[in-house]
């Protein structure tokens, strides 16, 4: 029994290219998170303003809004392995030179450029993964890809704290982040299965020849389940963004806890995400149900946080919220990979990642503004403004998961170059 349970994992990690991608993800994820924290610290050291530091971090969403559609064509038009290498190498170089750059404006410009590379890398990675593993192992492969992402966050945070304690200043974290990304670049260069151009100029949908962009629109319109999944994913991202922007005010103003408790909640979230990935790796035949379950659970947790504010309960809720987010994202990514042909898969993931980020930040900012307008008093029943906004987001997410999403996973729609 035990041997059968882990047989699929052994077969998956027996794939040399997938194994190298996982190791590259660990190095790249830690380097990216380490550089993000160093960027916040660098701007704060130069401006002594937490507000400006937050603006710099939030402004990294701009590439998704401005050039998301251009990135979608870029990922499919060029060799994906070269895209992965270029994006990883470029980010490493940017992080390596950031400590040498003077002024806040040049730092912001380079941070935006690095975010372009991050978006392109994520899109190419998700589009390439089906080439590296068998189809029946795709959901498990996605799960371990997410483990490397979420698991690297607490590791990167701990490493950053250690580096700052040993040597105050942001130069060492940036240099180490660059070194990690350079190591990831070398590993990605050895992934032979990622090599290849998905589509050059035209695609065929049915009997009509058309551009890749028009083909993508036709595929989404022709597949009602895919359309619902993408809309549902956008709703989940928007509502999840509320927790990101309201999390600190929820801890400080609603729970009357310390900022350290907020850090503890983030750690609990990451732990729940890793646990969720390990628990869901065997649900590869039920990705639509996993998607439904993740979205519905996210909604229930936000409602519970709004109605029953408690620091102890908050830690449990943060843990299970991490599990729910992983379930929703794992289901979304796997369904897109299975239902979209390789010829336009890069475009789909570029647009999906851009839309998710834009929605999360835009609605999150609106939620923060709404909570501020409602105030910290009892707005509804015993709930303050933050609780009302969290409760509204939770209810919206639960309805979306219960009624908007549906359908069974089918084969990809045929598209040929």
Protein backbone atom coordinates (compact mmCIF):
# COMPACT_ATOMS: atom_id res chain seq x y z
CA UNK A 1 0.00 0.00 0.00
CA UNK A 2 2.73 2.41 0.97
CA UNK A 3 4.70 1.64 -2.16
CA UNK A 4 1.63 2.22 -4.33
CA UNK A 5 0.92 5.52 -2.61
CA UNK A 6 4.30 6.97 -3.53
CA UNK A 7 4.73 5.23 -6.86
CA UNK A 8 3.34 8.21 -8.78
CA UNK A 9 5.68 10.62 -6.99
CA UNK A 10 8.71 8.45 -7.74
CA UNK A 11 7.73 8.28 -11.40
CA UNK A 12 7.23 12.03 -11.53
CA UNK A 13 10.59 12.88 -9.98
CA UNK A 14 12.17 10.28 -12.23
CA UNK A 15 11.66 12.83 -15.01
CA UNK A 16 14.99 14.64 -15.20
CA UNK A 17 13.61 17.88 -16.68
CA UNK A 18 10.85 18.19 -14.11
CA UNK A 19 13.28 17.54 -11.28
CA UNK A 20 15.57 20.31 -12.52
CA UNK A 21 12.63 22.68 -12.86
CA UNK A 22 11.62 22.05 -9.24
CA UNK A 23 15.14 22.78 -7.98
CA UNK A 24 15.28 25.90 -10.16
CA UNK A 25 11.93 26.98 -8.72
CA UNK A 26 13.27 26.71 -5.17
CA UNK A 27 16.33 28.82 -5.96
CA UNK A 28 14.32 31.28 -8.03
CA UNK A 29 11.49 31.58 -5.51
CA UNK A 30 13.81 32.25 -2.59
CA UNK A 31 15.78 34.77 -4.64
CA UNK A 32 12.64 36.56 -5.79
CA UNK A 33 11.18 36.83 -2.28
CA UNK A 34 14.54 37.86 -0.83
CA UNK A 35 14.81 40.61 -3.47
CA UNK A 36 11.24 41.77 -2.79
CA UNK A 37 11.95 42.26 0.91
CA UNK A 38 15.26 43.94 0.12
CA UNK A 39 13.49 46.29 -2.31
CA UNK A 40 11.07 47.40 0.39
CA UNK A 41 13.95 47.91 2.80
CA UNK A 42 16.04 49.80 0.23
CA UNK A 43 13.29 52.30 -0.52
CA UNK A 44 12.53 52.74 3.17
CA UNK A 45 16.22 53.35 3.95
CA UNK A 46 16.33 56.09 1.33
CA UNK A 47 12.98 57.75 2.00
CA UNK A 48 12.23 56.83 5.65
CA UNK A 49 8.61 56.45 4.54
CA UNK A 50 6.64 53.23 4.95
CA UNK A 51 3.96 54.69 2.66
CA UNK A 52 6.39 55.17 -0.24
CA UNK A 53 7.80 51.69 0.34
CA UNK A 54 4.28 50.29 0.05
CA UNK A 55 3.62 52.31 -3.10
CA UNK A 56 6.79 50.96 -4.71
CA UNK A 57 5.73 47.39 -3.92
CA UNK A 58 2.15 47.94 -5.14
CA UNK A 59 3.34 49.66 -8.32
CA UNK A 60 4.96 46.41 -9.45
CA UNK A 61 1.48 45.45 -10.62
CA UNK A 62 1.66 48.05 -13.41
CA UNK A 63 3.32 45.75 -15.99
CA UNK A 64 0.34 43.41 -15.76
CA UNK A 65 -2.03 46.26 -16.57
CA UNK A 66 0.09 47.91 -19.27
CA UNK A 67 1.66 45.09 -21.28
CA UNK A 68 -0.20 41.93 -20.30
CA UNK A 69 -1.47 41.40 -23.85
CA UNK A 70 2.01 41.93 -25.34
CA UNK A 71 3.49 39.38 -22.95
CA UNK A 72 0.83 36.87 -23.99
CA UNK A 73 2.08 36.97 -27.59
CA UNK A 74 5.75 37.01 -26.54
CA UNK A 75 5.52 33.77 -24.56
CA UNK A 76 4.11 31.75 -27.48
CA UNK A 77 6.11 33.36 -30.29
CA UNK A 78 9.60 32.49 -29.01
CA UNK A 79 11.35 29.37 -27.79
CA UNK A 80 9.97 28.87 -24.28
CA UNK A 81 13.23 27.65 -22.80
CA UNK A 82 14.93 30.81 -24.05
CA UNK A 83 12.09 32.87 -22.57
CA UNK A 84 12.57 31.17 -19.20
CA UNK A 85 16.34 31.66 -19.34
CA UNK A 86 16.14 35.30 -20.44
CA UNK A 87 13.57 36.22 -17.78
CA UNK A 88 15.47 34.53 -14.95
CA UNK A 89 18.87 35.87 -16.03
CA UNK A 90 17.44 39.35 -16.52
CA UNK A 91 15.89 39.48 -13.06
CA UNK A 92 19.12 38.24 -11.51
CA UNK A 93 21.06 41.02 -13.22
CA UNK A 94 18.56 43.67 -12.15
CA UNK A 95 18.65 42.59 -8.51
CA UNK A 96 22.43 42.48 -8.59
CA UNK A 97 22.76 46.13 -9.69
CA UNK A 98 19.90 47.63 -7.64
CA UNK A 99 22.11 48.43 -4.59
CA UNK A 100 24.35 50.49 -6.91
CA UNK A 101 21.51 52.60 -8.30
CA UNK A 102 20.92 56.01 -6.74
CA UNK A 103 17.54 57.64 -6.24
CA UNK A 104 14.09 56.15 -5.88
CA UNK A 105 12.86 56.67 -9.46
CA UNK A 106 15.56 54.50 -11.12
CA UNK A 107 14.97 51.81 -8.49
CA UNK A 108 11.26 51.88 -9.28
CA UNK A 109 11.93 51.62 -13.02
CA UNK A 110 14.17 48.59 -12.56
CA UNK A 111 11.64 46.98 -10.21
CA UNK A 112 8.95 47.37 -12.87
CA UNK A 113 11.25 45.78 -15.45
CA UNK A 114 11.90 42.87 -13.10
CA UNK A 115 8.16 42.38 -12.69
CA UNK A 116 7.81 42.11 -16.48
CA UNK A 117 10.31 39.27 -16.35
CA UNK A 118 8.43 37.60 -13.50
CA UNK A 119 5.13 37.66 -15.41
CA UNK A 120 6.70 36.29 -18.59
CA UNK A 121 8.52 33.59 -16.61
CA UNK A 122 5.38 32.41 -14.80
CA UNK A 123 3.41 32.25 -18.06
CA UNK A 124 6.12 30.32 -19.91
CA UNK A 125 6.60 27.95 -16.95
CA UNK A 126 2.91 27.05 -16.67
CA UNK A 127 2.62 26.65 -20.44
CA UNK A 128 5.71 24.41 -20.58
CA UNK A 129 4.94 22.11 -17.67
CA UNK A 130 2.63 19.77 -19.69
CA UNK A 131 5.63 19.00 -21.91
CA UNK A 132 7.72 17.82 -18.97
CA UNK A 133 5.40 15.27 -17.34
CA UNK A 134 2.76 12.72 -18.37
CA UNK A 135 -0.80 14.02 -18.55
CA UNK A 136 -1.99 11.93 -15.61
CA UNK A 137 0.74 13.48 -13.43
CA UNK A 138 0.01 17.08 -14.42
CA UNK A 139 -1.92 18.04 -11.30
CA UNK A 140 0.79 16.56 -9.06
CA UNK A 141 3.44 18.45 -11.01
CA UNK A 142 1.50 21.69 -10.58
CA UNK A 143 1.22 20.96 -6.87
CA UNK A 144 4.97 20.63 -6.40
CA UNK A 145 5.52 23.73 -8.49
CA UNK A 146 3.30 25.60 -6.02
CA UNK A 147 5.13 24.04 -3.06
CA UNK A 148 8.36 25.58 -4.31
CA UNK A 149 6.64 28.97 -4.61
CA UNK A 150 4.88 29.07 -1.23
CA UNK A 151 7.58 27.17 0.61
CA UNK A 152 10.25 29.62 -0.52
CA UNK A 153 8.44 32.58 1.07
CA UNK A 154 9.04 31.74 4.75
CA UNK A 155 12.53 30.49 3.89
CA UNK A 156 13.31 33.74 2.11
CA UNK A 157 11.86 35.79 4.97
CA UNK A 158 13.97 33.96 7.55
CA UNK A 159 17.09 34.26 5.43
CA UNK A 160 16.49 38.00 4.94
CA UNK A 161 16.12 38.54 8.69
CA UNK A 162 19.35 36.62 9.32
CA UNK A 163 21.29 38.58 6.71
CA UNK A 164 20.08 41.93 8.04
CA UNK A 165 20.98 40.88 11.59
CA UNK A 166 24.50 39.84 10.57
CA UNK A 167 25.15 42.77 8.22
CA UNK A 168 22.70 45.73 8.24
CA UNK A 169 21.92 47.06 4.78
CA UNK A 170 20.26 45.74 1.63
CA UNK A 171 23.29 45.03 -0.55
CA UNK A 172 23.96 41.50 0.73
CA UNK A 173 20.32 40.31 0.33
CA UNK A 174 20.25 41.68 -3.22
CA UNK A 175 23.55 40.00 -4.13
CA UNK A 176 22.44 36.66 -2.69
CA UNK A 177 19.09 36.94 -4.49
CA UNK A 178 20.93 37.53 -7.77
CA UNK A 179 23.18 34.53 -7.14
CA UNK A 180 20.17 32.30 -6.51
CA UNK A 181 18.50 33.41 -9.73
CA UNK A 182 21.72 32.87 -11.69
CA UNK A 183 21.81 29.31 -10.30
CA UNK A 184 18.18 28.85 -11.39
CA UNK A 185 19.15 30.10 -14.87
CA UNK A 186 21.83 27.41 -15.19
CA UNK A 187 19.36 24.70 -14.18
CA UNK A 188 16.67 25.91 -16.59
CA UNK A 189 19.21 25.85 -19.41
CA UNK A 190 19.50 22.09 -18.93
CA UNK A 191 15.74 21.43 -19.38
CA UNK A 192 15.61 20.02 -22.90
CA UNK A 193 11.83 19.43 -22.97
CA UNK A 194 11.13 23.16 -22.61
CA UNK A 195 12.77 23.89 -25.94
CA UNK A 196 10.53 24.78 -28.86
CA UNK A 197 8.26 27.46 -30.31
CA UNK A 198 4.57 26.89 -29.73
CA UNK A 199 3.22 28.94 -32.63
CA UNK A 200 4.85 31.43 -34.97
CA UNK A 201 2.32 33.43 -36.92
CA UNK A 202 -0.99 31.70 -37.47
CA UNK A 203 -3.19 29.12 -35.87
CA UNK A 204 -6.05 27.07 -37.23
CA UNK A 205 -9.36 26.99 -35.41
CA UNK A 206 -11.79 24.68 -37.13
CA UNK A 207 -11.26 25.33 -40.85
CA UNK A 208 -10.29 29.00 -40.60
CA UNK A 209 -6.77 30.41 -40.49
CA UNK A 210 -6.34 33.36 -38.19
CA UNK A 211 -3.87 35.07 -35.88
CA UNK A 212 -2.96 33.58 -32.53
CA UNK A 213 -4.81 36.36 -30.67
CA UNK A 214 -8.05 35.81 -32.58
CA UNK A 215 -7.62 32.06 -32.17
CA UNK A 216 -7.38 32.53 -28.43
CA UNK A 217 -10.60 34.54 -28.34
CA UNK A 218 -12.36 31.92 -30.45
CA UNK A 219 -11.24 29.12 -28.13
CA UNK A 220 -12.48 30.88 -25.02
CA UNK A 221 -15.82 31.74 -26.64
CA UNK A 222 -16.27 28.21 -27.94
CA UNK A 223 -15.63 26.63 -24.55
CA UNK A 224 -18.25 27.76 -22.00
CA UNK A 225 -16.62 25.78 -19.19
CA UNK A 226 -13.25 27.42 -19.82
CA UNK A 227 -14.95 30.80 -19.82
CA UNK A 228 -16.62 30.08 -16.48
CA UNK A 229 -13.39 28.85 -14.96
CA UNK A 230 -11.54 32.00 -16.01
CA UNK A 231 -14.31 34.25 -14.69
CA UNK A 232 -14.44 32.26 -11.47
CA UNK A 233 -10.68 32.54 -11.06
CA UNK A 234 -10.89 36.30 -11.53
CA UNK A 235 -13.59 36.53 -8.84
CA UNK A 236 -11.47 34.50 -6.44
CA UNK A 237 -8.41 36.68 -7.07
CA UNK A 238 -10.42 39.87 -6.55
CA UNK A 239 -11.87 38.66 -3.26
CA UNK A 240 -8.54 37.28 -2.14
CA UNK A 241 -7.02 40.69 -2.76
CA UNK A 242 -9.31 42.06 -0.05
CA UNK A 243 -7.53 39.94 2.55
CA UNK A 244 -4.13 41.13 1.34
CA UNK A 245 -5.00 44.82 1.75
CA UNK A 246 -7.18 44.42 4.85
CA UNK A 247 -5.03 41.88 6.68
CA UNK A 248 -2.95 44.33 8.70
CA UNK A 249 -5.92 46.51 9.67
CA UNK A 250 -7.85 43.37 10.63
CA UNK A 251 -5.03 42.31 12.98
CA UNK A 252 -4.32 45.74 14.45
CA UNK A 253 -7.78 47.38 14.57
CA UNK A 254 -10.24 44.49 14.69
CA UNK A 255 -8.27 41.95 16.73
CA UNK A 256 -6.22 44.60 18.58
CA UNK A 257 -3.13 42.43 18.16
CA UNK A 258 0.47 43.39 17.34
CA UNK A 259 2.22 43.59 13.99
CA UNK A 260 4.14 40.47 15.03
CA UNK A 261 0.81 38.62 15.06
CA UNK A 262 0.34 39.69 11.43
CA UNK A 263 3.67 38.07 10.58
CA UNK A 264 2.51 34.95 12.38
CA UNK A 265 -0.67 34.86 10.32
CA UNK A 266 1.37 35.07 7.11
CA UNK A 267 3.53 32.19 8.31
CA UNK A 268 0.41 30.16 9.08
CA UNK A 269 -0.89 30.94 5.60
CA UNK A 270 2.32 29.66 3.96
CA UNK A 271 2.27 26.52 6.13
CA UNK A 272 -1.34 25.85 5.13
CA UNK A 273 -0.45 26.31 1.48
CA UNK A 274 2.35 23.76 1.64
CA UNK A 275 0.17 21.31 3.57
CA UNK A 276 -2.65 21.76 1.06
CA UNK A 277 -0.38 20.97 -1.85
CA UNK A 278 0.79 17.76 -0.20
CA UNK A 279 -2.79 16.73 0.58
CA UNK A 280 -4.17 17.47 -2.88
CA UNK A 281 -1.49 15.85 -5.03
CA UNK A 282 -3.60 12.69 -5.40
CA UNK A 283 -6.74 14.54 -6.57
CA UNK A 284 -5.56 14.75 -10.18
CA UNK A 285 -8.79 13.26 -11.55
CA UNK A 286 -11.02 15.72 -9.72
CA UNK A 287 -9.54 19.14 -10.51
CA UNK A 288 -12.92 20.76 -11.16
CA UNK A 289 -14.13 19.64 -7.73
CA UNK A 290 -10.88 20.86 -6.17
CA UNK A 291 -11.44 24.24 -7.84
CA UNK A 292 -15.00 24.42 -6.49
CA UNK A 293 -13.91 23.32 -3.02
CA UNK A 294 -11.05 25.81 -2.85
CA UNK A 295 -13.20 28.77 -3.89
CA UNK A 296 -16.06 27.87 -1.59
CA UNK A 297 -13.72 27.30 1.36
CA UNK A 298 -12.05 30.68 0.76
CA UNK A 299 -15.45 32.34 0.95
CA UNK A 300 -16.46 30.50 4.14
CA UNK A 301 -13.17 31.39 5.84
CA UNK A 302 -13.50 35.10 5.04
CA UNK A 303 -17.05 35.05 6.39
CA UNK A 304 -15.87 33.30 9.57
CA UNK A 305 -13.07 35.83 10.05
CA UNK A 306 -15.57 38.67 9.68
CA UNK A 307 -18.24 37.25 12.00
CA UNK A 308 -16.02 35.64 14.68
CA UNK A 309 -12.96 37.88 15.17
CA UNK A 310 -10.38 36.16 17.36
CA UNK A 311 -6.60 35.99 17.29
CA UNK A 312 -6.53 32.25 18.00
CA UNK A 313 -9.23 31.55 15.43
CA UNK A 314 -7.40 33.86 13.03
CA UNK A 315 -4.32 31.64 13.03
CA UNK A 316 -6.41 28.58 12.21
CA UNK A 317 -8.31 30.51 9.53
CA UNK A 318 -5.06 31.75 7.97
CA UNK A 319 -3.76 28.18 7.86
CA UNK A 320 -6.87 26.83 6.15
CA UNK A 321 -7.07 29.86 3.88
CA UNK A 322 -3.62 28.93 2.56
CA UNK A 323 -4.91 25.42 1.86
CA UNK A 324 -8.00 26.82 0.11
CA UNK A 325 -5.97 29.19 -2.07
CA UNK A 326 -3.74 26.34 -3.18
CA UNK A 327 -6.78 24.20 -4.02
CA UNK A 328 -8.32 26.97 -6.13
CA UNK A 329 -5.09 27.84 -7.92
CA UNK A 330 -4.12 24.20 -8.45
CA UNK A 331 -7.51 23.49 -9.98
CA UNK A 332 -7.41 26.62 -12.15
CA UNK A 333 -3.92 26.01 -13.54
CA UNK A 334 -4.52 22.31 -14.24
CA UNK A 335 -7.86 22.93 -15.96
CA UNK A 336 -6.33 25.59 -18.20
CA UNK A 337 -3.43 23.30 -19.09
CA UNK A 338 -5.79 20.45 -19.96
CA UNK A 339 -8.36 22.45 -21.91
CA UNK A 340 -6.11 24.76 -23.91
CA UNK A 341 -3.90 23.61 -26.78
CA UNK A 342 -0.15 24.10 -26.49
CA UNK A 343 -0.21 26.54 -29.43
CA UNK A 344 -1.94 29.25 -27.41
CA UNK A 345 -1.31 28.03 -23.87
CA UNK A 346 1.33 30.67 -23.21
CA UNK A 347 -1.08 33.44 -24.20
CA UNK A 348 -3.76 32.08 -21.91
CA UNK A 349 -1.44 31.95 -18.90
CA UNK A 350 0.04 35.39 -19.58
CA UNK A 351 -3.43 36.92 -19.68
CA UNK A 352 -4.58 34.84 -16.71
CA UNK A 353 -1.66 35.87 -14.48
CA UNK A 354 -2.08 39.51 -15.52
CA UNK A 355 -5.83 39.49 -14.87
CA UNK A 356 -5.45 37.81 -11.49
CA UNK A 357 -2.89 40.35 -10.31
CA UNK A 358 -4.80 43.35 -11.59
CA UNK A 359 -8.04 42.14 -10.05
CA UNK A 360 -6.47 41.35 -6.70
CA UNK A 361 -4.82 44.75 -6.37
CA UNK A 362 -7.70 46.83 -7.80
CA UNK A 363 -10.45 45.25 -5.72
CA UNK A 364 -8.15 45.02 -2.70
CA UNK A 365 -7.57 48.77 -2.83
CA UNK A 366 -11.31 49.39 -3.20
CA UNK A 367 -11.94 47.18 -0.18
CA UNK A 368 -9.36 49.10 1.85
CA UNK A 369 -10.97 52.39 0.82
CA UNK A 370 -14.43 51.05 1.70
CA UNK A 371 -13.26 49.87 5.13
CA UNK A 372 -11.76 53.29 5.80
CA UNK A 373 -14.97 55.06 4.78
CA UNK A 374 -17.09 52.78 6.97
CA UNK A 375 -14.80 53.35 9.93
CA UNK A 376 -13.74 51.29 12.93
CA UNK A 377 -17.01 51.51 14.84
CA UNK A 378 -19.93 49.09 14.74
CA UNK A 379 -21.18 49.53 11.18
CA UNK A 380 -23.36 46.41 10.94
CA UNK A 381 -24.31 44.35 14.00
CA UNK A 382 -21.01 44.14 15.92
CA UNK A 383 -18.83 44.38 12.79
CA UNK A 384 -16.53 47.26 11.91
CA UNK A 385 -15.71 48.44 8.38
CA UNK A 386 -12.94 45.89 7.86
CA UNK A 387 -15.19 43.03 8.92
CA UNK A 388 -18.00 44.22 6.64
CA UNK A 389 -15.70 44.29 3.61
CA UNK A 390 -14.21 40.88 4.44
CA UNK A 391 -17.67 39.43 4.91
CA UNK A 392 -18.86 40.86 1.61
CA UNK A 393 -15.85 39.41 -0.20
CA UNK A 394 -16.40 36.02 1.44
CA UNK A 395 -20.07 35.92 0.47
CA UNK A 396 -19.27 36.91 -3.12
CA UNK A 397 -16.60 34.23 -3.38
CA UNK A 398 -18.85 31.52 -1.97
CA UNK A 399 -21.63 32.38 -4.44
CA UNK A 400 -19.15 32.34 -7.33
CA UNK A 401 -17.84 28.93 -6.35
CA UNK A 402 -21.31 27.49 -5.83
CA UNK A 403 -23.18 28.87 -8.85
CA UNK A 404 -20.84 30.33 -11.46
CA UNK A 405 -18.35 27.51 -11.89
CA UNK A 406 -19.18 24.14 -13.31
CA UNK A 407 -18.44 21.50 -15.88
CA UNK A 408 -16.12 18.56 -16.31
CA UNK A 409 -12.54 18.56 -17.52
CA UNK A 410 -12.36 17.77 -21.25
CA UNK A 411 -9.62 17.40 -23.82
CA UNK A 412 -7.94 20.50 -25.27
CA UNK A 413 -9.69 22.12 -28.22
CA UNK A 414 -7.77 21.31 -31.38
CA UNK A 415 -5.49 24.05 -32.64
CA UNK A 416 -2.61 23.48 -35.02
CA UNK A 417 0.13 25.73 -36.31
